[in-house]
Amino acid sequence: ICAPPSGFENYAQAVKDAAAQLWSGPSDGGSFVFTSSGGVYEGIDGEIVNEESATIDPEENPRQGRIVYAEKEVIESGGCVLRLAGLYTLERGAHNYWLEKCPDGVAGREDGIVNLLHYDDAASACAAALRVGAAVTARKTFLISDGNPTTRKGICESALQSKRYSDFSMPTFLGPAHGLKGKVYDGTKSNEILNWKA
């Protein structure tokens, strides 16, 4: 299931219901894969996070908390969770928003860390989880990224090399320079277990 939380009043319950209605459970074969977000990780200042790293307190951060609670329902049902890095294509993603929709500047420092995952790679990671099966993935959480963390400025520089963004210029990053940098994803263990790589 990959439905975004914005469409549900009770996201965790909706995910629980989907698992119950769409899947017979690991004992009857097949797998239940829930696409989550690496945004649930607590690390924020250049720290490396992996599958076992601490997540945010859902009570203190209700927006991400909805995802944490949904993950819990998936794990309890016997499914698996894929925490995805920031999804993108040429036309969609943070770079597109910053270049096209932020004429007054982008919040955050230019060297803030961004972890990325192309939509095609996200789909192939889901397929890999289904392929290895519930015997491998049941009640486990995986971290999926392309393994090449970059920066806010870095992804804009890459996008500006494309003809698609030839009429745009580098946005202003509003900082502050001493602000938190973000986190670096290390999904090495997930890649090995799922026999997958972006």
N, C-alpha and C. Protein backbone atom coordinates (compact mmCIF):
# COMPACT_ATOMS: atom_id res chain seq x y z
N ILE A 1 0.85 -1.18 0.00
CA ILE A 1 0.00 0.00 0.00
C ILE A 1 0.90 1.24 0.00
N CYS A 2 0.53 2.22 -0.80
CA CYS A 2 1.35 3.43 -0.90
C CYS A 2 0.50 4.69 -0.87
N ALA A 3 -0.67 4.62 -0.24
CA ALA A 3 -1.54 5.79 -0.16
C ALA A 3 -0.95 6.81 0.80
N PRO A 4 -0.92 8.10 0.43
CA PRO A 4 -0.36 9.12 1.33
C PRO A 4 -1.29 9.38 2.50
N PRO A 5 -0.73 9.79 3.64
CA PRO A 5 -1.56 10.01 4.84
C PRO A 5 -2.54 11.16 4.72
N SER A 6 -2.29 12.07 3.79
CA SER A 6 -3.13 13.27 3.70
C SER A 6 -4.58 12.96 3.37
N GLY A 7 -4.86 11.81 2.79
CA GLY A 7 -6.22 11.48 2.39
C GLY A 7 -7.05 10.80 3.44
N PHE A 8 -6.53 10.64 4.66
CA PHE A 8 -7.22 9.87 5.68
C PHE A 8 -7.27 10.61 7.00
N GLU A 9 -8.42 10.53 7.67
CA GLU A 9 -8.53 11.13 9.00
C GLU A 9 -7.77 10.29 10.01
N ASN A 10 -7.87 8.95 9.87
CA ASN A 10 -7.14 8.03 10.75
C ASN A 10 -6.29 7.14 9.86
N TYR A 11 -5.08 7.60 9.59
CA TYR A 11 -4.21 6.91 8.64
C TYR A 11 -3.83 5.51 9.11
N ALA A 12 -3.47 5.38 10.38
CA ALA A 12 -3.06 4.08 10.91
C ALA A 12 -4.19 3.06 10.76
N GLN A 13 -5.41 3.47 11.04
CA GLN A 13 -6.55 2.56 10.91
C GLN A 13 -6.79 2.18 9.46
N ALA A 14 -6.63 3.15 8.55
CA ALA A 14 -6.81 2.86 7.13
C ALA A 14 -5.80 1.84 6.64
N VAL A 15 -4.56 1.96 7.11
CA VAL A 15 -3.53 1.00 6.71
C VAL A 15 -3.81 -0.36 7.32
N LYS A 16 -4.24 -0.39 8.57
CA LYS A 16 -4.61 -1.64 9.23
C LYS A 16 -5.75 -2.33 8.48
N ASP A 17 -6.76 -1.55 8.10
CA ASP A 17 -7.89 -2.10 7.35
C ASP A 17 -7.44 -2.65 6.00
N ALA A 18 -6.53 -1.95 5.33
CA ALA A 18 -6.04 -2.41 4.03
C ALA A 18 -5.34 -3.75 4.17
N ALA A 19 -4.53 -3.88 5.21
CA ALA A 19 -3.82 -5.15 5.43
C ALA A 19 -4.81 -6.28 5.67
N ALA A 20 -5.86 -6.00 6.45
CA ALA A 20 -6.84 -7.03 6.77
C ALA A 20 -7.69 -7.40 5.56
N GLN A 21 -8.03 -6.43 4.73
CA GLN A 21 -8.95 -6.66 3.62
C GLN A 21 -8.26 -7.15 2.35
N LEU A 22 -7.00 -6.77 2.17
CA LEU A 22 -6.31 -7.09 0.92
C LEU A 22 -5.34 -8.26 1.00
N TRP A 23 -5.11 -8.74 2.22
CA TRP A 23 -4.05 -9.74 2.40
C TRP A 23 -4.49 -10.77 3.43
N SER A 24 -4.19 -12.02 3.15
CA SER A 24 -4.58 -13.11 4.05
C SER A 24 -3.56 -13.35 5.16
N GLY A 25 -2.46 -12.63 5.12
CA GLY A 25 -1.43 -12.81 6.13
C GLY A 25 -0.28 -13.66 5.64
N PRO A 26 0.86 -13.62 6.32
CA PRO A 26 2.05 -14.34 5.84
C PRO A 26 1.87 -15.84 5.77
N SER A 27 1.01 -16.40 6.60
CA SER A 27 0.84 -17.85 6.60
C SER A 27 0.19 -18.36 5.32
N ASP A 28 -0.56 -17.51 4.61
CA ASP A 28 -1.22 -17.91 3.37
C ASP A 28 -0.44 -17.48 2.13
N GLY A 29 0.77 -17.06 2.31
CA GLY A 29 1.61 -16.68 1.18
C GLY A 29 1.46 -15.22 0.81
N GLY A 30 2.37 -14.76 0.01
CA GLY A 30 2.35 -13.37 -0.40
C GLY A 30 2.94 -12.46 0.66
N SER A 31 3.02 -11.20 0.34
CA SER A 31 3.61 -10.22 1.24
C SER A 31 2.77 -8.95 1.25
N PHE A 32 2.86 -8.22 2.35
CA PHE A 32 2.22 -6.92 2.45
C PHE A 32 3.34 -5.89 2.62
N VAL A 33 3.45 -4.99 1.65
CA VAL A 33 4.52 -4.00 1.65
C VAL A 33 3.91 -2.61 1.80
N PHE A 34 4.38 -1.88 2.79
CA PHE A 34 3.89 -0.53 3.05
C PHE A 34 5.01 0.46 2.77
N THR A 35 4.76 1.41 1.87
CA THR A 35 5.78 2.42 1.58
C THR A 35 5.62 3.58 2.54
N SER A 36 6.64 3.76 3.35
CA SER A 36 6.67 4.79 4.37
C SER A 36 7.69 5.86 3.96
N SER A 37 8.17 6.61 4.93
CA SER A 37 9.08 7.71 4.64
C SER A 37 10.25 7.72 5.61
N GLY A 38 11.44 8.01 5.09
CA GLY A 38 12.60 8.19 5.94
C GLY A 38 12.48 9.42 6.81
N GLY A 39 11.47 10.25 6.54
CA GLY A 39 11.23 11.43 7.35
C GLY A 39 10.87 11.13 8.79
N VAL A 40 10.61 9.85 9.11
CA VAL A 40 10.26 9.49 10.49
C VAL A 40 11.48 9.40 11.39
N TYR A 41 12.68 9.43 10.82
CA TYR A 41 13.88 9.30 11.64
C TYR A 41 14.16 10.56 12.44
N GLU A 42 14.71 10.34 13.63
CA GLU A 42 14.99 11.43 14.54
C GLU A 42 16.25 12.20 14.16
N GLY A 43 17.27 11.51 13.64
CA GLY A 43 18.55 12.15 13.34
C GLY A 43 18.38 13.37 12.45
N ILE A 44 19.00 14.48 12.84
CA ILE A 44 18.74 15.72 12.10
C ILE A 44 19.98 16.56 11.80
N ASP A 45 21.13 16.24 12.38
CA ASP A 45 22.26 17.15 12.22
C ASP A 45 23.48 16.45 11.64
N GLY A 46 23.30 15.92 10.43
CA GLY A 46 24.39 15.25 9.74
C GLY A 46 24.61 13.82 10.20
N GLU A 47 23.72 13.31 11.03
CA GLU A 47 23.87 11.96 11.55
C GLU A 47 23.54 10.92 10.47
N ILE A 48 24.17 9.76 10.58
CA ILE A 48 23.85 8.63 9.71
C ILE A 48 22.75 7.83 10.38
N VAL A 49 21.70 7.55 9.63
CA VAL A 49 20.61 6.73 10.16
C VAL A 49 20.48 5.47 9.33
N ASN A 50 20.04 4.39 9.99
CA ASN A 50 19.79 3.14 9.30
C ASN A 50 18.48 2.54 9.79
N GLU A 51 18.25 1.28 9.48
CA GLU A 51 16.97 0.65 9.78
C GLU A 51 16.65 0.65 11.28
N GLU A 52 17.66 0.62 12.12
CA GLU A 52 17.44 0.54 13.57
C GLU A 52 17.45 1.90 14.27
N SER A 53 17.68 2.96 13.56
CA SER A 53 17.78 4.27 14.19
C SER A 53 16.45 4.71 14.79
N ALA A 54 16.54 5.56 15.80
CA ALA A 54 15.35 6.05 16.50
C ALA A 54 14.48 6.89 15.58
N THR A 55 13.17 6.79 15.79
CA THR A 55 12.23 7.62 15.05
C THR A 55 11.76 8.76 15.94
N ILE A 56 11.11 9.72 15.32
CA ILE A 56 10.59 10.87 16.05
C ILE A 56 9.51 10.42 17.04
N ASP A 57 9.27 11.24 18.03
CA ASP A 57 8.18 11.00 18.97
C ASP A 57 6.88 11.39 18.28
N PRO A 58 5.98 10.43 18.05
CA PRO A 58 4.76 10.76 17.30
C PRO A 58 3.85 11.75 18.01
N GLU A 59 3.96 11.83 19.33
CA GLU A 59 3.14 12.80 20.05
C GLU A 59 3.65 14.22 19.86
N GLU A 60 4.97 14.37 19.75
CA GLU A 60 5.56 15.69 19.58
C GLU A 60 5.53 16.15 18.13
N ASN A 61 5.41 15.20 17.20
CA ASN A 61 5.38 15.53 15.78
C ASN A 61 4.20 14.78 15.14
N PRO A 62 2.98 15.28 15.30
CA PRO A 62 1.80 14.57 14.82
C PRO A 62 1.81 14.29 13.31
N ARG A 63 2.40 15.19 12.53
CA ARG A 63 2.41 15.00 11.08
C ARG A 63 3.15 13.71 10.70
N GLN A 64 4.37 13.55 11.20
CA GLN A 64 5.11 12.32 10.94
C GLN A 64 4.62 11.19 11.84
N GLY A 65 4.02 11.56 12.97
CA GLY A 65 3.50 10.56 13.89
C GLY A 65 2.46 9.66 13.26
N ARG A 66 1.66 10.20 12.36
CA ARG A 66 0.66 9.38 11.66
C ARG A 66 1.34 8.23 10.92
N ILE A 67 2.50 8.51 10.35
CA ILE A 67 3.23 7.48 9.62
C ILE A 67 3.81 6.45 10.58
N VAL A 68 4.36 6.92 11.71
CA VAL A 68 4.92 6.00 12.71
C VAL A 68 3.84 5.03 13.20
N TYR A 69 2.66 5.55 13.49
CA TYR A 69 1.57 4.68 13.95
C TYR A 69 1.13 3.70 12.86
N ALA A 70 1.11 4.14 11.61
CA ALA A 70 0.75 3.26 10.51
C ALA A 70 1.78 2.15 10.35
N GLU A 71 3.07 2.51 10.47
CA GLU A 71 4.12 1.48 10.42
C GLU A 71 3.90 0.41 11.47
N LYS A 72 3.54 0.84 12.66
CA LYS A 72 3.31 -0.11 13.76
C LYS A 72 2.21 -1.11 13.41
N GLU A 73 1.15 -0.63 12.78
CA GLU A 73 0.06 -1.52 12.37
C GLU A 73 0.54 -2.54 11.34
N VAL A 74 1.36 -2.09 10.41
CA VAL A 74 1.88 -2.99 9.37
C VAL A 74 2.75 -4.08 9.99
N ILE A 75 3.66 -3.68 10.87
CA ILE A 75 4.55 -4.65 11.51
C ILE A 75 3.75 -5.66 12.32
N GLU A 76 2.76 -5.17 13.08
CA GLU A 76 1.94 -6.08 13.89
C GLU A 76 1.13 -7.04 13.04
N SER A 77 0.79 -6.64 11.83
CA SER A 77 0.02 -7.51 10.94
C SER A 77 0.89 -8.55 10.24
N GLY A 78 2.21 -8.39 10.34
CA GLY A 78 3.13 -9.32 9.67
C GLY A 78 3.65 -8.81 8.35
N GLY A 79 3.30 -7.59 8.01
CA GLY A 79 3.82 -7.00 6.78
C GLY A 79 5.20 -6.40 6.97
N CYS A 80 5.68 -5.70 5.94
CA CYS A 80 6.97 -5.04 6.05
C CYS A 80 6.84 -3.58 5.64
N VAL A 81 7.78 -2.78 6.12
CA VAL A 81 7.79 -1.34 5.89
C VAL A 81 9.01 -0.97 5.08
N LEU A 82 8.80 -0.22 4.01
CA LEU A 82 9.91 0.35 3.24
C LEU A 82 9.92 1.85 3.48
N ARG A 83 10.90 2.33 4.22
CA ARG A 83 11.04 3.77 4.44
C ARG A 83 11.82 4.35 3.27
N LEU A 84 11.13 5.15 2.47
CA LEU A 84 11.70 5.66 1.23
C LEU A 84 12.35 7.03 1.42
N ALA A 85 13.44 7.25 0.70
CA ALA A 85 14.05 8.58 0.62
C ALA A 85 13.14 9.48 -0.22
N GLY A 86 13.55 10.73 -0.42
CA GLY A 86 12.75 11.69 -1.17
C GLY A 86 12.58 11.26 -2.61
N LEU A 87 11.33 11.07 -3.01
CA LEU A 87 11.04 10.58 -4.35
C LEU A 87 11.15 11.70 -5.39
N TYR A 88 11.60 11.34 -6.58
CA TYR A 88 11.74 12.34 -7.63
C TYR A 88 11.69 11.72 -9.02
N THR A 89 11.32 12.54 -9.97
CA THR A 89 11.58 12.34 -11.40
C THR A 89 12.12 13.68 -11.88
N LEU A 90 12.36 13.81 -13.16
CA LEU A 90 12.83 15.11 -13.66
C LEU A 90 11.80 16.20 -13.37
N GLU A 91 10.52 15.84 -13.50
CA GLU A 91 9.45 16.84 -13.36
C GLU A 91 8.89 16.96 -11.95
N ARG A 92 9.21 16.04 -11.07
CA ARG A 92 8.64 16.05 -9.73
C ARG A 92 9.73 15.89 -8.68
N GLY A 93 9.52 16.53 -7.55
CA GLY A 93 10.48 16.41 -6.46
C GLY A 93 10.82 17.77 -5.89
N ALA A 94 11.69 17.76 -4.89
CA ALA A 94 12.07 19.00 -4.21
C ALA A 94 12.67 20.01 -5.18
N HIS A 95 13.53 19.53 -6.09
CA HIS A 95 14.18 20.45 -7.04
C HIS A 95 13.15 21.20 -7.87
N ASN A 96 12.12 20.49 -8.33
CA ASN A 96 11.08 21.12 -9.14
C ASN A 96 10.35 22.19 -8.35
N TYR A 97 10.00 21.87 -7.12
CA TYR A 97 9.28 22.83 -6.29
C TYR A 97 10.14 24.05 -6.01
N TRP A 98 11.40 23.82 -5.63
CA TRP A 98 12.27 24.94 -5.29
C TRP A 98 12.55 25.84 -6.49
N LEU A 99 12.77 25.24 -7.66
CA LEU A 99 13.09 26.04 -8.85
C LEU A 99 11.88 26.78 -9.40
N GLU A 100 10.72 26.14 -9.36
CA GLU A 100 9.55 26.72 -10.02
C GLU A 100 8.61 27.48 -9.08
N LYS A 101 8.62 27.14 -7.80
CA LYS A 101 7.59 27.68 -6.90
C LYS A 101 8.13 28.53 -5.76
N CYS A 102 9.42 28.76 -5.71
CA CYS A 102 9.99 29.49 -4.57
C CYS A 102 10.79 30.72 -5.02
N PRO A 103 10.14 31.69 -5.64
CA PRO A 103 10.86 32.88 -6.10
C PRO A 103 11.42 33.71 -4.95
N ASP A 104 10.85 33.56 -3.77
CA ASP A 104 11.32 34.33 -2.61
C ASP A 104 12.35 33.59 -1.77
N GLY A 105 12.78 32.43 -2.24
CA GLY A 105 13.81 31.69 -1.53
C GLY A 105 13.31 30.39 -0.94
N VAL A 106 14.27 29.55 -0.58
CA VAL A 106 14.00 28.21 -0.04
C VAL A 106 14.42 28.18 1.42
N ALA A 107 13.52 27.72 2.27
CA ALA A 107 13.86 27.60 3.69
C ALA A 107 14.96 26.55 3.86
N GLY A 108 15.93 26.84 4.72
CA GLY A 108 17.00 25.89 4.97
C GLY A 108 18.32 26.29 4.33
N ARG A 109 19.37 25.70 4.82
CA ARG A 109 20.70 26.01 4.33
C ARG A 109 21.00 25.26 3.04
N GLU A 110 21.83 25.83 2.19
CA GLU A 110 22.09 25.24 0.88
C GLU A 110 22.82 23.91 0.97
N ASP A 111 23.59 23.70 2.05
CA ASP A 111 24.29 22.43 2.19
C ASP A 111 23.51 21.44 3.04
N GLY A 112 22.22 21.72 3.27
CA GLY A 112 21.37 20.76 3.97
C GLY A 112 21.29 19.45 3.19
N ILE A 113 21.33 18.34 3.89
CA ILE A 113 21.40 17.02 3.26
C ILE A 113 20.04 16.59 2.72
N VAL A 114 20.07 16.03 1.50
CA VAL A 114 18.88 15.49 0.87
C VAL A 114 19.19 14.07 0.40
N ASN A 115 18.35 13.12 0.83
CA ASN A 115 18.47 11.73 0.38
C ASN A 115 17.39 11.48 -0.66
N LEU A 116 17.76 10.85 -1.76
CA LEU A 116 16.85 10.75 -2.90
C LEU A 116 16.61 9.32 -3.35
N LEU A 117 15.50 9.16 -4.08
CA LEU A 117 15.14 7.87 -4.66
C LEU A 117 14.23 8.14 -5.86
N HIS A 118 14.65 7.68 -7.03
CA HIS A 118 13.81 7.84 -8.21
C HIS A 118 12.56 6.97 -8.07
N TYR A 119 11.45 7.44 -8.61
CA TYR A 119 10.21 6.67 -8.53
C TYR A 119 10.38 5.27 -9.10
N ASP A 120 11.12 5.12 -10.18
CA ASP A 120 11.34 3.78 -10.76
C ASP A 120 12.09 2.88 -9.79
N ASP A 121 13.06 3.44 -9.08
CA ASP A 121 13.81 2.64 -8.11
C ASP A 121 12.94 2.27 -6.90
N ALA A 122 12.04 3.18 -6.52
CA ALA A 122 11.11 2.86 -5.44
C ALA A 122 10.24 1.68 -5.83
N ALA A 123 9.76 1.69 -7.07
CA ALA A 123 8.93 0.58 -7.55
C ALA A 123 9.72 -0.72 -7.57
N SER A 124 10.98 -0.66 -7.99
CA SER A 124 11.77 -1.88 -8.06
C SER A 124 12.11 -2.40 -6.66
N ALA A 125 12.23 -1.51 -5.68
CA ALA A 125 12.46 -1.95 -4.30
C ALA A 125 11.23 -2.67 -3.75
N CYS A 126 10.04 -2.14 -4.08
CA CYS A 126 8.80 -2.82 -3.67
C CYS A 126 8.72 -4.20 -4.31
N ALA A 127 9.06 -4.27 -5.59
CA ALA A 127 9.05 -5.56 -6.28
C ALA A 127 10.04 -6.53 -5.66
N ALA A 128 11.20 -6.00 -5.24
CA ALA A 128 12.20 -6.85 -4.61
C ALA A 128 11.68 -7.41 -3.29
N ALA A 129 10.97 -6.58 -2.51
CA ALA A 129 10.40 -7.04 -1.25
C ALA A 129 9.37 -8.13 -1.49
N LEU A 130 8.56 -7.96 -2.52
CA LEU A 130 7.57 -8.99 -2.86
C LEU A 130 8.25 -10.26 -3.34
N ARG A 131 9.33 -10.10 -4.09
CA ARG A 131 10.02 -11.25 -4.66
C ARG A 131 10.68 -12.12 -3.59
N VAL A 132 11.34 -11.50 -2.61
CA VAL A 132 12.00 -12.32 -1.58
C VAL A 132 10.99 -12.92 -0.63
N GLY A 133 9.82 -12.31 -0.51
CA GLY A 133 8.72 -12.93 0.22
C GLY A 133 8.69 -12.66 1.70
N ALA A 134 7.54 -13.01 2.28
CA ALA A 134 7.30 -12.77 3.70
C ALA A 134 8.25 -13.52 4.61
N ALA A 135 8.78 -14.65 4.15
CA ALA A 135 9.72 -15.39 4.98
C ALA A 135 10.95 -14.54 5.32
N VAL A 136 11.26 -13.60 4.45
CA VAL A 136 12.41 -12.72 4.63
C VAL A 136 11.99 -11.36 5.21
N THR A 137 10.84 -10.87 4.76
CA THR A 137 10.49 -9.48 5.08
C THR A 137 9.51 -9.29 6.23
N ALA A 138 8.80 -10.33 6.64
CA ALA A 138 7.73 -10.17 7.63
C ALA A 138 8.21 -9.47 8.90
N ARG A 139 7.45 -8.45 9.31
CA ARG A 139 7.70 -7.69 10.54
C ARG A 139 9.05 -6.98 10.55
N LYS A 140 9.52 -6.63 9.35
CA LYS A 140 10.81 -5.93 9.26
C LYS A 140 10.62 -4.56 8.61
N THR A 141 11.56 -3.68 8.94
CA THR A 141 11.58 -2.33 8.39
C THR A 141 12.85 -2.16 7.57
N PHE A 142 12.70 -1.59 6.37
CA PHE A 142 13.82 -1.40 5.46
C PHE A 142 13.96 0.09 5.12
N LEU A 143 15.18 0.49 4.84
CA LEU A 143 15.47 1.87 4.46
C LEU A 143 15.96 1.88 3.02
N ILE A 144 15.24 2.60 2.17
CA ILE A 144 15.50 2.56 0.73
C ILE A 144 15.90 3.94 0.21
N SER A 145 17.10 4.05 -0.34
CA SER A 145 17.54 5.28 -0.98
C SER A 145 18.50 4.92 -2.10
N ASP A 146 18.92 5.92 -2.87
CA ASP A 146 19.86 5.61 -3.96
C ASP A 146 21.30 5.55 -3.47
N GLY A 147 21.52 5.80 -2.18
CA GLY A 147 22.86 5.69 -1.61
C GLY A 147 23.78 6.83 -1.95
N ASN A 148 23.23 7.90 -2.52
CA ASN A 148 24.04 9.05 -2.90
C ASN A 148 23.46 10.34 -2.33
N PRO A 149 23.58 10.53 -1.02
CA PRO A 149 23.04 11.76 -0.44
C PRO A 149 23.69 12.99 -1.06
N THR A 150 22.88 14.01 -1.24
CA THR A 150 23.39 15.25 -1.82
C THR A 150 22.91 16.41 -0.95
N THR A 151 22.90 17.60 -1.51
CA THR A 151 22.47 18.77 -0.75
C THR A 151 21.34 19.48 -1.50
N ARG A 152 20.70 20.42 -0.84
CA ARG A 152 19.66 21.20 -1.51
C ARG A 152 20.23 21.88 -2.76
N LYS A 153 21.39 22.51 -2.58
CA LYS A 153 22.01 23.17 -3.73
C LYS A 153 22.41 22.15 -4.79
N GLY A 154 22.90 21.01 -4.35
CA GLY A 154 23.36 19.98 -5.28
C GLY A 154 22.26 19.48 -6.20
N ILE A 155 21.06 19.24 -5.67
CA ILE A 155 20.01 18.73 -6.55
C ILE A 155 19.52 19.82 -7.50
N CYS A 156 19.57 21.07 -7.05
CA CYS A 156 19.20 22.16 -7.96
C CYS A 156 20.23 22.32 -9.06
N GLU A 157 21.51 22.17 -8.72
CA GLU A 157 22.56 22.25 -9.74
C GLU A 157 22.36 21.16 -10.79
N SER A 158 22.04 19.96 -10.35
CA SER A 158 21.82 18.86 -11.29
C SER A 158 20.62 19.14 -12.19
N ALA A 159 19.53 19.64 -11.58
CA ALA A 159 18.33 19.92 -12.36
C ALA A 159 18.57 21.02 -13.38
N LEU A 160 19.36 22.03 -13.02
CA LEU A 160 19.60 23.16 -13.92
C LEU A 160 20.40 22.77 -15.16
N GLN A 161 21.02 21.61 -15.13
CA GLN A 161 21.74 21.13 -16.31
C GLN A 161 20.79 20.56 -17.36
N SER A 162 19.52 20.34 -16.95
CA SER A 162 18.54 19.78 -17.87
C SER A 162 17.87 20.90 -18.67
N LYS A 163 17.51 20.57 -19.90
CA LYS A 163 16.79 21.52 -20.74
C LYS A 163 15.47 21.94 -20.11
N ARG A 164 14.89 21.02 -19.34
CA ARG A 164 13.60 21.28 -18.67
C ARG A 164 13.66 22.52 -17.79
N TYR A 165 14.82 22.80 -17.22
CA TYR A 165 14.95 23.93 -16.29
C TYR A 165 15.89 25.02 -16.81
N SER A 166 16.06 25.07 -18.11
CA SER A 166 17.02 26.02 -18.69
C SER A 166 16.63 27.48 -18.45
N ASP A 167 15.36 27.75 -18.23
CA ASP A 167 14.92 29.13 -18.01
C ASP A 167 14.90 29.54 -16.54
N PHE A 168 15.36 28.65 -15.68
CA PHE A 168 15.35 28.93 -14.24
C PHE A 168 16.76 29.18 -13.74
N SER A 169 16.86 29.73 -12.55
CA SER A 169 18.17 29.98 -11.95
C SER A 169 18.19 29.42 -10.54
N MET A 170 19.39 29.33 -9.99
CA MET A 170 19.56 28.78 -8.65
C MET A 170 18.76 29.61 -7.65
N PRO A 171 17.92 28.96 -6.83
CA PRO A 171 17.16 29.72 -5.84
C PRO A 171 18.06 30.19 -4.70
N THR A 172 17.58 31.14 -3.97
CA THR A 172 18.28 31.61 -2.77
C THR A 172 17.90 30.71 -1.60
N PHE A 173 18.90 30.24 -0.89
CA PHE A 173 18.64 29.42 0.29
C PHE A 173 18.73 30.31 1.52
N LEU A 174 17.68 30.32 2.29
CA LEU A 174 17.52 31.31 3.35
C LEU A 174 18.19 30.93 4.66
N GLY A 175 18.76 29.72 4.71
CA GLY A 175 19.52 29.33 5.91
C GLY A 175 18.64 29.10 7.12
N PRO A 176 19.18 29.36 8.30
CA PRO A 176 20.47 30.01 8.57
C PRO A 176 21.65 29.05 8.40
N ALA A 177 22.84 29.64 8.24
CA ALA A 177 24.03 28.82 8.00
C ALA A 177 24.31 27.87 9.15
N HIS A 178 23.88 28.22 10.35
CA HIS A 178 24.14 27.36 11.51
C HIS A 178 22.96 26.42 11.77
N GLY A 179 21.98 26.37 10.85
CA GLY A 179 20.82 25.49 11.03
C GLY A 179 21.21 24.03 10.92
N LEU A 180 20.29 23.17 11.31
CA LEU A 180 20.54 21.73 11.26
C LEU A 180 20.68 21.26 9.82
N LYS A 181 21.58 20.29 9.60
CA LYS A 181 21.90 19.85 8.25
C LYS A 181 20.98 18.76 7.72
N GLY A 182 20.38 17.98 8.60
CA GLY A 182 19.61 16.83 8.14
C GLY A 182 20.37 15.55 8.40
N LYS A 183 19.90 14.46 7.83
CA LYS A 183 20.48 13.15 8.11
C LYS A 183 20.91 12.44 6.83
N VAL A 184 21.81 11.48 6.99
CA VAL A 184 22.32 10.69 5.86
C VAL A 184 21.77 9.28 6.01
N TYR A 185 21.12 8.78 4.96
CA TYR A 185 20.55 7.43 4.99
C TYR A 185 21.61 6.40 4.64
N ASP A 186 21.65 5.32 5.42
CA ASP A 186 22.49 4.17 5.11
C ASP A 186 21.59 2.93 5.04
N GLY A 187 21.22 2.57 3.82
CA GLY A 187 20.35 1.41 3.61
C GLY A 187 21.09 0.17 3.17
N THR A 188 22.37 0.07 3.53
CA THR A 188 23.19 -1.06 3.10
C THR A 188 22.58 -2.40 3.49
N LYS A 189 22.13 -2.50 4.73
CA LYS A 189 21.55 -3.76 5.22
C LYS A 189 20.29 -4.10 4.43
N SER A 190 19.46 -3.12 4.18
CA SER A 190 18.22 -3.35 3.41
C SER A 190 18.53 -3.84 2.00
N ASN A 191 19.52 -3.21 1.37
CA ASN A 191 19.90 -3.62 0.02
C ASN A 191 20.32 -5.08 -0.02
N GLU A 192 21.08 -5.49 0.99
CA GLU A 192 21.56 -6.87 1.03
C GLU A 192 20.42 -7.86 1.25
N ILE A 193 19.54 -7.55 2.20
CA ILE A 193 18.44 -8.46 2.51
C ILE A 193 17.49 -8.60 1.32
N LEU A 194 17.20 -7.48 0.68
CA LEU A 194 16.26 -7.50 -0.44
C LEU A 194 16.91 -7.86 -1.78
N ASN A 195 18.24 -7.98 -1.76
CA ASN A 195 18.99 -8.23 -3.00
C ASN A 195 18.63 -7.17 -4.04
N TRP A 196 18.75 -5.94 -3.61
CA TRP A 196 18.31 -4.80 -4.42
C TRP A 196 19.33 -3.67 -4.34
N LYS A 197 19.40 -2.89 -5.40
CA LYS A 197 20.20 -1.68 -5.40
C LYS A 197 19.64 -0.72 -6.44
N ALA A 198 19.65 0.59 -6.11
CA ALA A 198 19.12 1.59 -7.05
C ALA A 198 20.01 1.68 -8.27
